[in-house]
Amino acid sequence: MKKKVNKGPKKPKDGIFVDGTVLEARANAMFDVKLDNDFVVLCTICGKIRINRIKILPDDRVQVKLSEYDLSKGIIEYRYDSRVQTR
């Protein structure tokens, strides 16, 4: 029996998930991300991205999970493929 491979961004079940664009890479794997609603958020990367050594560069489209307690901080959960056209 084949395993189901979950490709694509996570489904929002717990947390606030928003799409955005990386503006600047900072030290210690921190990034400034401009969300689609024009807010700028300080983000770090999640463990799966660290383990798989996925490079995140400025102008990449990412999915961010915002903290419920402080909306100015978040975690980058997914980096969209740059070859796929997005609006």
C-alpha atoms as a PDB file:
ATOM      1  CA  MET A   1       0.000   0.000   0.000  1.00  0.00           C
ATOM      2  CA  LYS A   2       1.330   3.449  -0.949  1.00  0.00           C
ATOM      3  CA  LYS A   3       1.875   6.114   1.661  1.00  0.00           C
ATOM      4  CA  LYS A   4       0.053   9.387   1.250  1.00  0.00           C
ATOM      5  CA  VAL A   5       2.512  12.181   0.590  1.00  0.00           C
ATOM      6  CA  ASN A   6       1.298  15.517   1.876  1.00  0.00           C
ATOM      7  CA  LYS A   7       2.715  18.091  -0.508  1.00  0.00           C
ATOM      8  CA  GLY A   8       1.838  21.725  -0.192  1.00  0.00           C
ATOM      9  CA  PRO A   9       1.222  24.160   2.630  1.00  0.00           C
ATOM     10  CA  LYS A  10      -0.294  23.062   5.923  1.00  0.00           C
ATOM     11  CA  LYS A  11      -3.995  23.292   6.527  1.00  0.00           C
ATOM     12  CA  PRO A  12      -4.947  25.838   9.172  1.00  0.00           C
ATOM     13  CA  LYS A  13      -6.182  23.705  12.073  1.00  0.00           C
ATOM     14  CA  ASP A  14      -4.599  25.460  15.034  1.00  0.00           C
ATOM     15  CA  GLY A  15      -2.952  28.806  14.599  1.00  0.00           C
ATOM     16  CA  ILE A  16      -3.094  31.754  12.240  1.00  0.00           C
ATOM     17  CA  PHE A  17      -1.604  30.922   8.840  1.00  0.00           C
ATOM     18  CA  VAL A  18      -0.818  33.798   6.460  1.00  0.00           C
ATOM     19  CA  ASP A  19       1.134  33.998   3.195  1.00  0.00           C
ATOM     20  CA  GLY A  20       3.886  36.526   2.664  1.00  0.00           C
ATOM     21  CA  THR A  21       7.143  37.453   0.956  1.00  0.00           C
ATOM     22  CA  VAL A  22      10.585  37.418   2.579  1.00  0.00           C
ATOM     23  CA  LEU A  23      12.088  40.918   2.662  1.00  0.00           C
ATOM     24  CA  GLU A  24      15.394  40.396   4.450  1.00  0.00           C
ATOM     25  CA  ALA A  25      17.447  37.575   5.957  1.00  0.00           C
ATOM     26  CA  ARG A  26      18.850  38.379   9.400  1.00  0.00           C
ATOM     27  CA  ALA A  27      21.284  36.609  11.696  1.00  0.00           C
ATOM     28  CA  ASN A  28      20.405  33.356  13.517  1.00  0.00           C
ATOM     29  CA  ALA A  29      17.898  32.176  10.877  1.00  0.00           C
ATOM     30  CA  MET A  30      15.559  35.122  11.426  1.00  0.00           C
ATOM     31  CA  PHE A  31      13.684  36.774   8.573  1.00  0.00           C
ATOM     32  CA  ASP A  32      11.609  39.882   7.959  1.00  0.00           C
ATOM     33  CA  VAL A  33       8.458  38.790   6.133  1.00  0.00           C
ATOM     34  CA  LYS A  34       5.957  41.163   4.541  1.00  0.00           C
ATOM     35  CA  LEU A  35       2.516  39.593   4.775  1.00  0.00           C
ATOM     36  CA  ASP A  36      -0.166  39.939   2.120  1.00  0.00           C
ATOM     37  CA  ASN A  37      -1.960  42.492   4.310  1.00  0.00           C
ATOM     38  CA  ASP A  38       1.183  44.745   4.306  1.00  0.00           C
ATOM     39  CA  PHE A  39       2.310  43.982   7.880  1.00  0.00           C
ATOM     40  CA  VAL A  40       5.989  43.171   8.480  1.00  0.00           C
ATOM     41  CA  VAL A  41       6.633  40.248  10.846  1.00  0.00           C
ATOM     42  CA  LEU A  42       9.854  38.877  12.372  1.00  0.00           C
ATOM     43  CA  CYS A  43       9.978  35.136  11.682  1.00  0.00           C
ATOM     44  CA  THR A  44      12.140  32.113  12.371  1.00  0.00           C
ATOM     45  CA  ILE A  45      12.072  28.806  10.497  1.00  0.00           C
ATOM     46  CA  CYS A  46      10.432  25.615  11.709  1.00  0.00           C
ATOM     47  CA  GLY A  47      12.297  22.413  12.536  1.00  0.00           C
ATOM     48  CA  LYS A  48      11.418  20.529   9.330  1.00  0.00           C
ATOM     49  CA  ILE A  49      12.917  23.298   7.206  1.00  0.00           C
ATOM     50  CA  ARG A  50      16.058  23.293   9.381  1.00  0.00           C
ATOM     51  CA  ILE A  51      16.473  19.500   9.214  1.00  0.00           C
ATOM     52  CA  ASN A  52      15.983  19.366   5.440  1.00  0.00           C
ATOM     53  CA  ARG A  53      18.251  22.406   4.954  1.00  0.00           C
ATOM     54  CA  ILE A  54      15.815  24.273   2.730  1.00  0.00           C
ATOM     55  CA  LYS A  55      17.266  27.624   1.712  1.00  0.00           C
ATOM     56  CA  ILE A  56      15.088  30.667   2.174  1.00  0.00           C
ATOM     57  CA  LEU A  57      16.155  33.753   0.258  1.00  0.00           C
ATOM     58  CA  PRO A  58      14.723  37.260  -0.104  1.00  0.00           C
ATOM     59  CA  ASP A  59      11.705  37.482  -2.462  1.00  0.00           C
ATOM     60  CA  ASP A  60      10.617  33.892  -1.680  1.00  0.00           C
ATOM     61  CA  ARG A  61       6.918  33.251  -1.054  1.00  0.00           C
ATOM     62  CA  VAL A  62       6.353  31.575   2.317  1.00  0.00           C
ATOM     63  CA  GLN A  63       3.549  30.499   4.620  1.00  0.00           C
ATOM     64  CA  VAL A  64       3.842  31.920   8.141  1.00  0.00           C
ATOM     65  CA  LYS A  65       2.191  30.693  11.330  1.00  0.00           C
ATOM     66  CA  LEU A  66       1.610  33.709  13.569  1.00  0.00           C
ATOM     67  CA  SER A  67       1.746  33.550  17.337  1.00  0.00           C
ATOM     68  CA  GLU A  68      -1.663  33.958  18.963  1.00  0.00           C
ATOM     69  CA  TYR A  69      -0.100  36.023  21.739  1.00  0.00           C
ATOM     70  CA  ASP A  70       2.191  38.345  19.755  1.00  0.00           C
ATOM     71  CA  LEU A  71       1.152  39.035  16.162  1.00  0.00           C
ATOM     72  CA  SER A  72       4.516  40.620  15.347  1.00  0.00           C
ATOM     73  CA  LYS A  73       6.332  37.247  15.519  1.00  0.00           C
ATOM     74  CA  GLY A  74       5.887  34.058  13.556  1.00  0.00           C
ATOM     75  CA  ILE A  75       7.327  30.804  12.252  1.00  0.00           C
ATOM     76  CA  ILE A  76       7.923  30.032   8.572  1.00  0.00           C
ATOM     77  CA  GLU A  77       6.145  26.712   8.017  1.00  0.00           C
ATOM     78  CA  TYR A  78       6.404  26.315   4.220  1.00  0.00           C
ATOM     79  CA  ARG A  79       8.345  27.813   1.297  1.00  0.00           C
ATOM     80  CA  TYR A  80       6.393  27.848  -1.956  1.00  0.00           C
ATOM     81  CA  ASP A  81       8.115  26.509  -5.057  1.00  0.00           C
ATOM     82  CA  SER A  82       9.500  29.422  -7.059  1.00  0.00           C
ATOM     83  CA  ARG A  83       8.848  27.630 -10.362  1.00  0.00           C
ATOM     84  CA  VAL A  84       5.092  27.646  -9.774  1.00  0.00           C
ATOM     85  CA  GLN A  85       3.318  30.850 -10.745  1.00  0.00           C
ATOM     86  CA  THR A  86       1.363  32.448  -7.874  1.00  0.00           C
ATOM     87  CA  ARG A  87      -0.790  35.516  -7.892  1.00  0.00           C
END
